[in-house]
Amino acid sequence: MLLRNFKKIKNNKNLVYYPKKKNDFLVISKTLLKDVVSIAKKSKKNIFLCLHNHPEDKFHNMVIFLWKGTHYTKHKHSHKEEVINMIHGEKKINLHNKKIIEEIILDAKKNSIIRFNKDKLHSVEVLSNFVIYHEIKPGPFNEKNK
């Protein structure tokens, strides 16, 4: 199992993994992605495979597995831009002001990449059985720096 190079950190809701050793580069292979799917199926949890070394890093880079039924309600990132690159599956992103102004379906074949500016109000819903995507945004992650 290729996840042997990652350590699981405590998280009550999801499975979150970080590299065991500080790295200069990481290759995400199809085999590693299959391992992520296998672990998600056994655990029935969403998985965040962090490619950055530490939660306090200034650049966050993650491969994320989410199950169908996962919703992120209307939110924005006041201090961060965000890039999403779909690897597998389909999800809907709604852009909002007071109401939905645009609905975007992301999938690995047609609309595979989206970039948000900071302060862009949006919500997310997984449409396929599961999605896998690559997310890039500035860190660190904490409640005041969402």
N, C-alpha and C. Protein backbone atom coordinates (compact mmCIF):
# COMPACT_ATOMS: atom_id res chain seq x y z
N MET A 1 0.84 -1.18 0.00
CA MET A 1 0.00 0.00 0.00
C MET A 1 0.87 1.24 0.00
N LEU A 2 0.65 2.12 -0.94
CA LEU A 2 1.49 3.29 -1.11
C LEU A 2 1.27 4.36 -0.05
N LEU A 3 0.20 4.26 0.70
CA LEU A 3 -0.02 5.23 1.77
C LEU A 3 0.94 5.03 2.94
N ARG A 4 1.81 4.04 2.83
CA ARG A 4 2.79 3.81 3.90
C ARG A 4 3.73 5.01 4.06
N ASN A 5 3.82 5.86 3.04
CA ASN A 5 4.67 7.05 3.12
C ASN A 5 3.95 8.25 3.75
N PHE A 6 2.72 8.00 4.22
CA PHE A 6 1.92 9.05 4.84
C PHE A 6 1.52 8.64 6.25
N LYS A 7 1.35 9.63 7.12
CA LYS A 7 0.87 9.35 8.48
C LYS A 7 -0.52 9.92 8.64
N LYS A 8 -1.36 9.19 9.33
CA LYS A 8 -2.73 9.64 9.59
C LYS A 8 -2.69 10.54 10.82
N ILE A 9 -3.38 11.68 10.73
CA ILE A 9 -3.46 12.55 11.90
C ILE A 9 -4.87 12.49 12.45
N LYS A 10 -5.00 12.85 13.69
CA LYS A 10 -6.29 12.76 14.38
C LYS A 10 -7.29 13.75 13.79
N ASN A 11 -8.43 13.22 13.40
CA ASN A 11 -9.53 14.02 12.89
C ASN A 11 -10.78 13.18 13.08
N ASN A 12 -11.78 13.71 13.76
CA ASN A 12 -12.97 12.93 14.09
C ASN A 12 -13.88 12.68 12.89
N LYS A 13 -13.87 13.58 11.92
CA LYS A 13 -14.83 13.52 10.83
C LYS A 13 -14.28 12.82 9.57
N ASN A 14 -13.05 13.09 9.22
CA ASN A 14 -12.44 12.60 7.98
C ASN A 14 -11.16 11.85 8.29
N LEU A 15 -10.62 11.17 7.27
CA LEU A 15 -9.28 10.61 7.37
C LEU A 15 -8.33 11.63 6.74
N VAL A 16 -7.34 12.08 7.49
CA VAL A 16 -6.41 13.09 7.02
C VAL A 16 -5.00 12.52 7.12
N TYR A 17 -4.27 12.60 6.02
CA TYR A 17 -2.90 12.07 5.95
C TYR A 17 -1.93 13.17 5.53
N TYR A 18 -0.73 13.13 6.14
CA TYR A 18 0.38 14.00 5.77
C TYR A 18 1.59 13.13 5.45
N PRO A 19 2.52 13.64 4.65
CA PRO A 19 3.75 12.87 4.40
C PRO A 19 4.48 12.58 5.71
N LYS A 20 5.03 11.37 5.81
CA LYS A 20 5.79 11.02 7.02
C LYS A 20 7.08 11.82 7.12
N LYS A 21 7.71 12.08 5.97
CA LYS A 21 8.97 12.82 5.96
C LYS A 21 8.82 14.06 5.12
N LYS A 22 9.55 15.11 5.50
CA LYS A 22 9.57 16.31 4.69
C LYS A 22 10.05 15.93 3.30
N ASN A 23 9.43 16.51 2.29
CA ASN A 23 9.76 16.10 0.93
C ASN A 23 9.99 17.30 0.04
N ASP A 24 10.78 17.08 -1.00
CA ASP A 24 10.98 18.09 -2.02
C ASP A 24 10.01 17.90 -3.17
N PHE A 25 9.48 16.68 -3.31
CA PHE A 25 8.49 16.40 -4.34
C PHE A 25 7.72 15.14 -3.97
N LEU A 26 6.53 15.01 -4.52
CA LEU A 26 5.71 13.81 -4.37
C LEU A 26 5.08 13.50 -5.72
N VAL A 27 5.02 12.23 -6.06
CA VAL A 27 4.34 11.79 -7.27
C VAL A 27 3.05 11.09 -6.84
N ILE A 28 1.94 11.52 -7.42
CA ILE A 28 0.66 10.89 -7.11
C ILE A 28 0.33 9.96 -8.29
N SER A 29 0.50 8.69 -8.07
CA SER A 29 0.30 7.69 -9.12
C SER A 29 -1.14 7.19 -9.12
N LYS A 30 -1.52 6.53 -10.20
CA LYS A 30 -2.84 5.89 -10.28
C LYS A 30 -2.96 4.84 -9.18
N THR A 31 -1.88 4.17 -8.86
CA THR A 31 -1.89 3.15 -7.80
C THR A 31 -2.18 3.78 -6.45
N LEU A 32 -1.57 4.93 -6.16
CA LEU A 32 -1.84 5.63 -4.91
C LEU A 32 -3.31 6.06 -4.84
N LEU A 33 -3.84 6.55 -5.95
CA LEU A 33 -5.26 6.94 -5.98
C LEU A 33 -6.16 5.73 -5.74
N LYS A 34 -5.79 4.57 -6.27
CA LYS A 34 -6.57 3.35 -6.02
C LYS A 34 -6.53 2.98 -4.54
N ASP A 35 -5.38 3.18 -3.90
CA ASP A 35 -5.27 2.93 -2.46
C ASP A 35 -6.19 3.86 -1.67
N VAL A 36 -6.25 5.12 -2.09
CA VAL A 36 -7.14 6.10 -1.42
C VAL A 36 -8.59 5.64 -1.54
N VAL A 37 -8.99 5.22 -2.74
CA VAL A 37 -10.36 4.73 -2.95
C VAL A 37 -10.63 3.51 -2.09
N SER A 38 -9.70 2.59 -2.02
CA SER A 38 -9.86 1.38 -1.22
C SER A 38 -10.05 1.71 0.26
N ILE A 39 -9.23 2.60 0.78
CA ILE A 39 -9.33 3.00 2.19
C ILE A 39 -10.65 3.72 2.44
N ALA A 40 -11.06 4.56 1.52
CA ALA A 40 -12.34 5.28 1.68
C ALA A 40 -13.50 4.30 1.70
N LYS A 41 -13.45 3.30 0.85
CA LYS A 41 -14.54 2.31 0.81
C LYS A 41 -14.61 1.49 2.10
N LYS A 42 -13.45 1.16 2.65
CA LYS A 42 -13.42 0.39 3.91
C LYS A 42 -13.88 1.24 5.09
N SER A 43 -13.47 2.50 5.11
CA SER A 43 -13.74 3.37 6.27
C SER A 43 -15.08 4.10 6.15
N LYS A 44 -15.58 4.25 4.93
CA LYS A 44 -16.80 5.04 4.66
C LYS A 44 -16.61 6.50 5.05
N LYS A 45 -15.37 7.00 4.99
CA LYS A 45 -15.08 8.39 5.33
C LYS A 45 -14.47 9.12 4.15
N ASN A 46 -14.57 10.44 4.17
CA ASN A 46 -13.86 11.28 3.22
C ASN A 46 -12.38 11.26 3.57
N ILE A 47 -11.52 11.47 2.57
CA ILE A 47 -10.08 11.43 2.80
C ILE A 47 -9.43 12.71 2.26
N PHE A 48 -8.54 13.26 3.07
CA PHE A 48 -7.72 14.41 2.67
C PHE A 48 -6.27 13.95 2.69
N LEU A 49 -5.68 13.80 1.51
CA LEU A 49 -4.30 13.38 1.37
C LEU A 49 -3.47 14.64 1.13
N CYS A 50 -2.86 15.13 2.19
CA CYS A 50 -2.11 16.39 2.11
C CYS A 50 -0.74 16.13 1.49
N LEU A 51 -0.40 16.92 0.50
CA LEU A 51 0.90 16.79 -0.16
C LEU A 51 1.90 17.77 0.44
N HIS A 52 1.41 18.78 1.15
CA HIS A 52 2.29 19.69 1.87
C HIS A 52 2.71 18.99 3.17
N ASN A 53 3.74 19.51 3.80
CA ASN A 53 4.35 18.80 4.91
C ASN A 53 3.70 19.02 6.27
N HIS A 54 3.03 20.16 6.46
CA HIS A 54 2.54 20.51 7.79
C HIS A 54 1.33 21.44 7.67
N PRO A 55 0.38 21.36 8.61
CA PRO A 55 -0.80 22.25 8.55
C PRO A 55 -0.45 23.74 8.52
N GLU A 56 0.69 24.11 9.06
CA GLU A 56 1.09 25.52 9.10
C GLU A 56 1.81 25.98 7.84
N ASP A 57 2.04 25.09 6.88
CA ASP A 57 2.71 25.48 5.63
C ASP A 57 1.94 26.60 4.95
N LYS A 58 2.65 27.45 4.23
CA LYS A 58 2.03 28.60 3.58
C LYS A 58 1.40 28.25 2.24
N PHE A 59 1.61 27.04 1.77
CA PHE A 59 1.04 26.58 0.50
C PHE A 59 0.44 25.20 0.74
N HIS A 60 -0.87 25.08 0.54
CA HIS A 60 -1.56 23.81 0.77
C HIS A 60 -1.91 23.18 -0.56
N ASN A 61 -1.67 21.88 -0.63
CA ASN A 61 -1.79 21.12 -1.85
C ASN A 61 -2.33 19.76 -1.43
N MET A 62 -3.56 19.41 -1.82
CA MET A 62 -4.21 18.20 -1.31
C MET A 62 -4.91 17.43 -2.42
N VAL A 63 -4.93 16.11 -2.29
CA VAL A 63 -5.80 15.27 -3.08
C VAL A 63 -6.95 14.89 -2.14
N ILE A 64 -8.17 15.17 -2.57
CA ILE A 64 -9.33 15.01 -1.69
C ILE A 64 -10.32 14.02 -2.29
N PHE A 65 -10.77 13.08 -1.47
CA PHE A 65 -11.80 12.10 -1.83
C PHE A 65 -13.04 12.46 -1.02
N LEU A 66 -14.17 12.70 -1.70
CA LEU A 66 -15.43 12.98 -1.01
C LEU A 66 -16.52 12.05 -1.52
N TRP A 67 -17.33 11.55 -0.60
CA TRP A 67 -18.46 10.68 -0.93
C TRP A 67 -19.65 11.49 -1.41
N LYS A 68 -20.49 10.87 -2.23
CA LYS A 68 -21.77 11.46 -2.61
C LYS A 68 -22.54 11.78 -1.33
N GLY A 69 -23.24 12.89 -1.35
CA GLY A 69 -23.95 13.33 -0.16
C GLY A 69 -23.16 14.35 0.64
N THR A 70 -21.87 14.51 0.30
CA THR A 70 -21.06 15.55 0.96
C THR A 70 -21.47 16.90 0.39
N HIS A 71 -21.81 17.82 1.29
CA HIS A 71 -22.19 19.18 0.91
C HIS A 71 -21.34 20.15 1.72
N TYR A 72 -20.87 21.17 1.07
CA TYR A 72 -20.29 22.30 1.79
C TYR A 72 -21.24 23.47 1.54
N THR A 73 -21.87 23.93 2.61
CA THR A 73 -22.84 25.01 2.47
C THR A 73 -22.15 26.30 2.04
N LYS A 74 -22.95 27.28 1.74
CA LYS A 74 -22.46 28.56 1.26
C LYS A 74 -21.34 29.08 2.17
N HIS A 75 -20.19 29.36 1.56
CA HIS A 75 -19.04 29.87 2.32
C HIS A 75 -18.12 30.64 1.37
N LYS A 76 -17.16 31.33 1.96
CA LYS A 76 -16.13 32.00 1.18
C LYS A 76 -14.83 31.96 1.95
N HIS A 77 -13.75 32.17 1.25
CA HIS A 77 -12.43 32.21 1.85
C HIS A 77 -11.96 33.66 1.77
N SER A 78 -12.00 34.34 2.89
CA SER A 78 -11.74 35.78 2.91
C SER A 78 -10.31 36.14 2.52
N HIS A 79 -9.37 35.23 2.78
CA HIS A 79 -7.96 35.56 2.56
C HIS A 79 -7.29 34.66 1.53
N LYS A 80 -8.08 33.84 0.81
CA LYS A 80 -7.45 32.84 -0.02
C LYS A 80 -8.14 32.66 -1.36
N GLU A 81 -7.31 32.52 -2.40
CA GLU A 81 -7.81 32.01 -3.66
C GLU A 81 -7.77 30.50 -3.58
N GLU A 82 -8.46 29.85 -4.50
CA GLU A 82 -8.54 28.39 -4.46
C GLU A 82 -8.59 27.85 -5.89
N VAL A 83 -7.88 26.76 -6.15
CA VAL A 83 -7.91 26.09 -7.45
C VAL A 83 -8.29 24.64 -7.21
N ILE A 84 -9.23 24.14 -8.02
CA ILE A 84 -9.67 22.75 -7.95
C ILE A 84 -9.48 22.12 -9.32
N ASN A 85 -8.84 20.95 -9.34
CA ASN A 85 -8.60 20.19 -10.56
C ASN A 85 -9.21 18.81 -10.36
N MET A 86 -10.28 18.51 -11.09
CA MET A 86 -10.98 17.23 -10.94
C MET A 86 -10.15 16.08 -11.50
N ILE A 87 -10.12 14.98 -10.76
CA ILE A 87 -9.43 13.76 -11.18
C ILE A 87 -10.44 12.68 -11.54
N HIS A 88 -11.50 12.57 -10.72
CA HIS A 88 -12.54 11.55 -10.94
C HIS A 88 -13.87 12.05 -10.41
N GLY A 89 -14.93 11.75 -11.15
CA GLY A 89 -16.27 12.03 -10.66
C GLY A 89 -16.79 13.39 -11.07
N GLU A 90 -17.89 13.77 -10.43
CA GLU A 90 -18.61 14.99 -10.81
C GLU A 90 -19.12 15.69 -9.56
N LYS A 91 -18.93 16.99 -9.51
CA LYS A 91 -19.49 17.77 -8.42
C LYS A 91 -20.01 19.09 -8.94
N LYS A 92 -20.95 19.63 -8.18
CA LYS A 92 -21.58 20.90 -8.55
C LYS A 92 -21.08 21.99 -7.62
N ILE A 93 -20.73 23.11 -8.23
CA ILE A 93 -20.35 24.29 -7.46
C ILE A 93 -21.34 25.39 -7.82
N ASN A 94 -21.99 25.93 -6.82
CA ASN A 94 -22.90 27.06 -7.02
C ASN A 94 -22.19 28.33 -6.56
N LEU A 95 -22.21 29.33 -7.43
CA LEU A 95 -21.70 30.64 -7.07
C LEU A 95 -22.88 31.49 -6.62
N HIS A 96 -22.69 32.23 -5.54
CA HIS A 96 -23.80 32.96 -4.91
C HIS A 96 -23.50 34.44 -4.79
N ASN A 97 -24.55 35.24 -4.76
CA ASN A 97 -24.54 36.53 -4.09
C ASN A 97 -25.63 36.36 -3.05
N LYS A 98 -26.80 36.96 -3.18
CA LYS A 98 -27.89 36.64 -2.25
C LYS A 98 -28.62 35.37 -2.68
N LYS A 99 -28.51 35.01 -3.95
CA LYS A 99 -29.08 33.77 -4.47
C LYS A 99 -28.04 33.14 -5.39
N ILE A 100 -28.33 31.97 -5.91
CA ILE A 100 -27.39 31.31 -6.83
C ILE A 100 -27.34 32.11 -8.13
N ILE A 101 -26.13 32.53 -8.51
CA ILE A 101 -25.98 33.28 -9.76
C ILE A 101 -25.42 32.41 -10.88
N GLU A 102 -24.75 31.32 -10.51
CA GLU A 102 -24.25 30.41 -11.54
C GLU A 102 -24.04 29.03 -10.93
N GLU A 103 -24.37 28.01 -11.73
CA GLU A 103 -24.17 26.61 -11.33
C GLU A 103 -23.15 26.02 -12.29
N ILE A 104 -22.08 25.46 -11.73
CA ILE A 104 -21.01 24.90 -12.54
C ILE A 104 -20.87 23.42 -12.19
N ILE A 105 -20.91 22.57 -13.20
CA ILE A 105 -20.68 21.14 -13.00
C ILE A 105 -19.23 20.86 -13.37
N LEU A 106 -18.46 20.38 -12.41
CA LEU A 106 -17.06 20.02 -12.65
C LEU A 106 -16.97 18.51 -12.81
N ASP A 107 -16.21 18.07 -13.79
CA ASP A 107 -15.90 16.65 -13.95
C ASP A 107 -14.53 16.52 -14.61
N ALA A 108 -14.01 15.33 -14.62
CA ALA A 108 -12.65 15.12 -15.11
C ALA A 108 -12.54 15.24 -16.63
N LYS A 109 -13.66 15.18 -17.36
CA LYS A 109 -13.60 15.16 -18.82
C LYS A 109 -13.91 16.51 -19.48
N LYS A 110 -14.90 17.25 -18.97
CA LYS A 110 -15.33 18.48 -19.67
C LYS A 110 -14.85 19.74 -18.96
N ASN A 111 -15.31 19.96 -17.76
CA ASN A 111 -14.95 21.14 -16.97
C ASN A 111 -14.12 20.66 -15.80
N SER A 112 -12.83 20.56 -16.00
CA SER A 112 -12.03 19.88 -14.97
C SER A 112 -11.32 20.82 -14.00
N ILE A 113 -11.20 22.09 -14.32
CA ILE A 113 -10.46 23.01 -13.44
C ILE A 113 -11.28 24.27 -13.19
N ILE A 114 -11.30 24.71 -11.94
CA ILE A 114 -11.92 25.99 -11.60
C ILE A 114 -11.00 26.73 -10.64
N ARG A 115 -11.00 28.04 -10.74
CA ARG A 115 -10.24 28.90 -9.84
C ARG A 115 -11.18 29.94 -9.27
N PHE A 116 -11.14 30.13 -7.95
CA PHE A 116 -11.95 31.15 -7.27
C PHE A 116 -11.04 32.24 -6.76
N ASN A 117 -11.49 33.47 -6.88
CA ASN A 117 -10.83 34.56 -6.18
C ASN A 117 -11.24 34.51 -4.71
N LYS A 118 -10.48 35.16 -3.86
CA LYS A 118 -10.88 35.25 -2.47
C LYS A 118 -12.21 35.99 -2.39
N ASP A 119 -12.96 35.73 -1.33
CA ASP A 119 -14.26 36.34 -1.08
C ASP A 119 -15.35 35.93 -2.07
N LYS A 120 -15.16 34.86 -2.82
CA LYS A 120 -16.19 34.39 -3.76
C LYS A 120 -17.09 33.41 -3.02
N LEU A 121 -18.32 33.78 -2.82
CA LEU A 121 -19.29 32.96 -2.10
C LEU A 121 -19.68 31.76 -2.96
N HIS A 122 -19.53 30.55 -2.41
CA HIS A 122 -19.84 29.34 -3.18
C HIS A 122 -20.27 28.21 -2.26
N SER A 123 -20.94 27.22 -2.85
CA SER A 123 -21.32 25.99 -2.15
C SER A 123 -20.95 24.82 -3.05
N VAL A 124 -20.83 23.63 -2.44
CA VAL A 124 -20.34 22.45 -3.17
C VAL A 124 -21.22 21.26 -2.84
N GLU A 125 -21.51 20.44 -3.88
CA GLU A 125 -22.26 19.21 -3.70
C GLU A 125 -21.66 18.12 -4.60
N VAL A 126 -21.39 16.95 -4.03
CA VAL A 126 -20.89 15.82 -4.80
C VAL A 126 -22.07 15.16 -5.51
N LEU A 127 -21.95 14.99 -6.84
CA LEU A 127 -23.04 14.43 -7.63
C LEU A 127 -22.84 12.94 -7.95
N SER A 128 -21.62 12.53 -8.23
CA SER A 128 -21.35 11.12 -8.54
C SER A 128 -21.19 10.33 -7.24
N ASN A 129 -20.98 9.03 -7.32
CA ASN A 129 -20.82 8.22 -6.11
C ASN A 129 -19.71 8.75 -5.21
N PHE A 130 -18.64 9.23 -5.85
CA PHE A 130 -17.55 9.89 -5.13
C PHE A 130 -16.78 10.75 -6.11
N VAL A 131 -16.02 11.69 -5.57
CA VAL A 131 -15.12 12.51 -6.39
C VAL A 131 -13.72 12.43 -5.80
N ILE A 132 -12.76 12.61 -6.69
CA ILE A 132 -11.37 12.82 -6.28
C ILE A 132 -10.92 14.07 -7.02
N TYR A 133 -10.34 15.00 -6.27
CA TYR A 133 -9.85 16.21 -6.91
C TYR A 133 -8.60 16.72 -6.21
N HIS A 134 -7.87 17.55 -6.91
CA HIS A 134 -6.65 18.16 -6.41
C HIS A 134 -7.01 19.61 -6.08
N GLU A 135 -6.73 20.02 -4.85
CA GLU A 135 -7.04 21.38 -4.41
C GLU A 135 -5.76 22.09 -4.01
N ILE A 136 -5.64 23.33 -4.47
CA ILE A 136 -4.46 24.14 -4.18
C ILE A 136 -4.94 25.47 -3.63
N LYS A 137 -4.36 25.87 -2.50
CA LYS A 137 -4.68 27.18 -1.94
C LYS A 137 -3.62 27.57 -0.91
N PRO A 138 -3.56 28.86 -0.59
CA PRO A 138 -2.61 29.29 0.43
C PRO A 138 -2.96 28.73 1.80
N GLY A 139 -1.97 28.50 2.61
CA GLY A 139 -2.16 28.08 3.99
C GLY A 139 -1.83 29.26 4.89
N PRO A 140 -1.75 29.05 6.16
CA PRO A 140 -2.12 27.82 6.85
C PRO A 140 -3.63 27.74 7.02
N PHE A 141 -4.12 26.53 7.31
CA PHE A 141 -5.54 26.37 7.58
C PHE A 141 -5.77 26.59 9.06
N ASN A 142 -6.60 27.57 9.37
CA ASN A 142 -7.07 27.76 10.74
C ASN A 142 -8.38 28.55 10.67
N GLU A 143 -9.08 28.63 11.76
CA GLU A 143 -10.41 29.24 11.77
C GLU A 143 -10.40 30.71 11.35
N LYS A 144 -9.37 31.46 11.73
CA LYS A 144 -9.38 32.88 11.37
C LYS A 144 -8.82 33.14 9.97
N ASN A 145 -8.17 32.15 9.38
CA ASN A 145 -7.54 32.33 8.07
C ASN A 145 -8.18 31.44 7.01
N LYS A 146 -9.48 31.17 7.13
CA LYS A 146 -10.16 30.33 6.16
C LYS A 146 -10.08 31.00 4.84
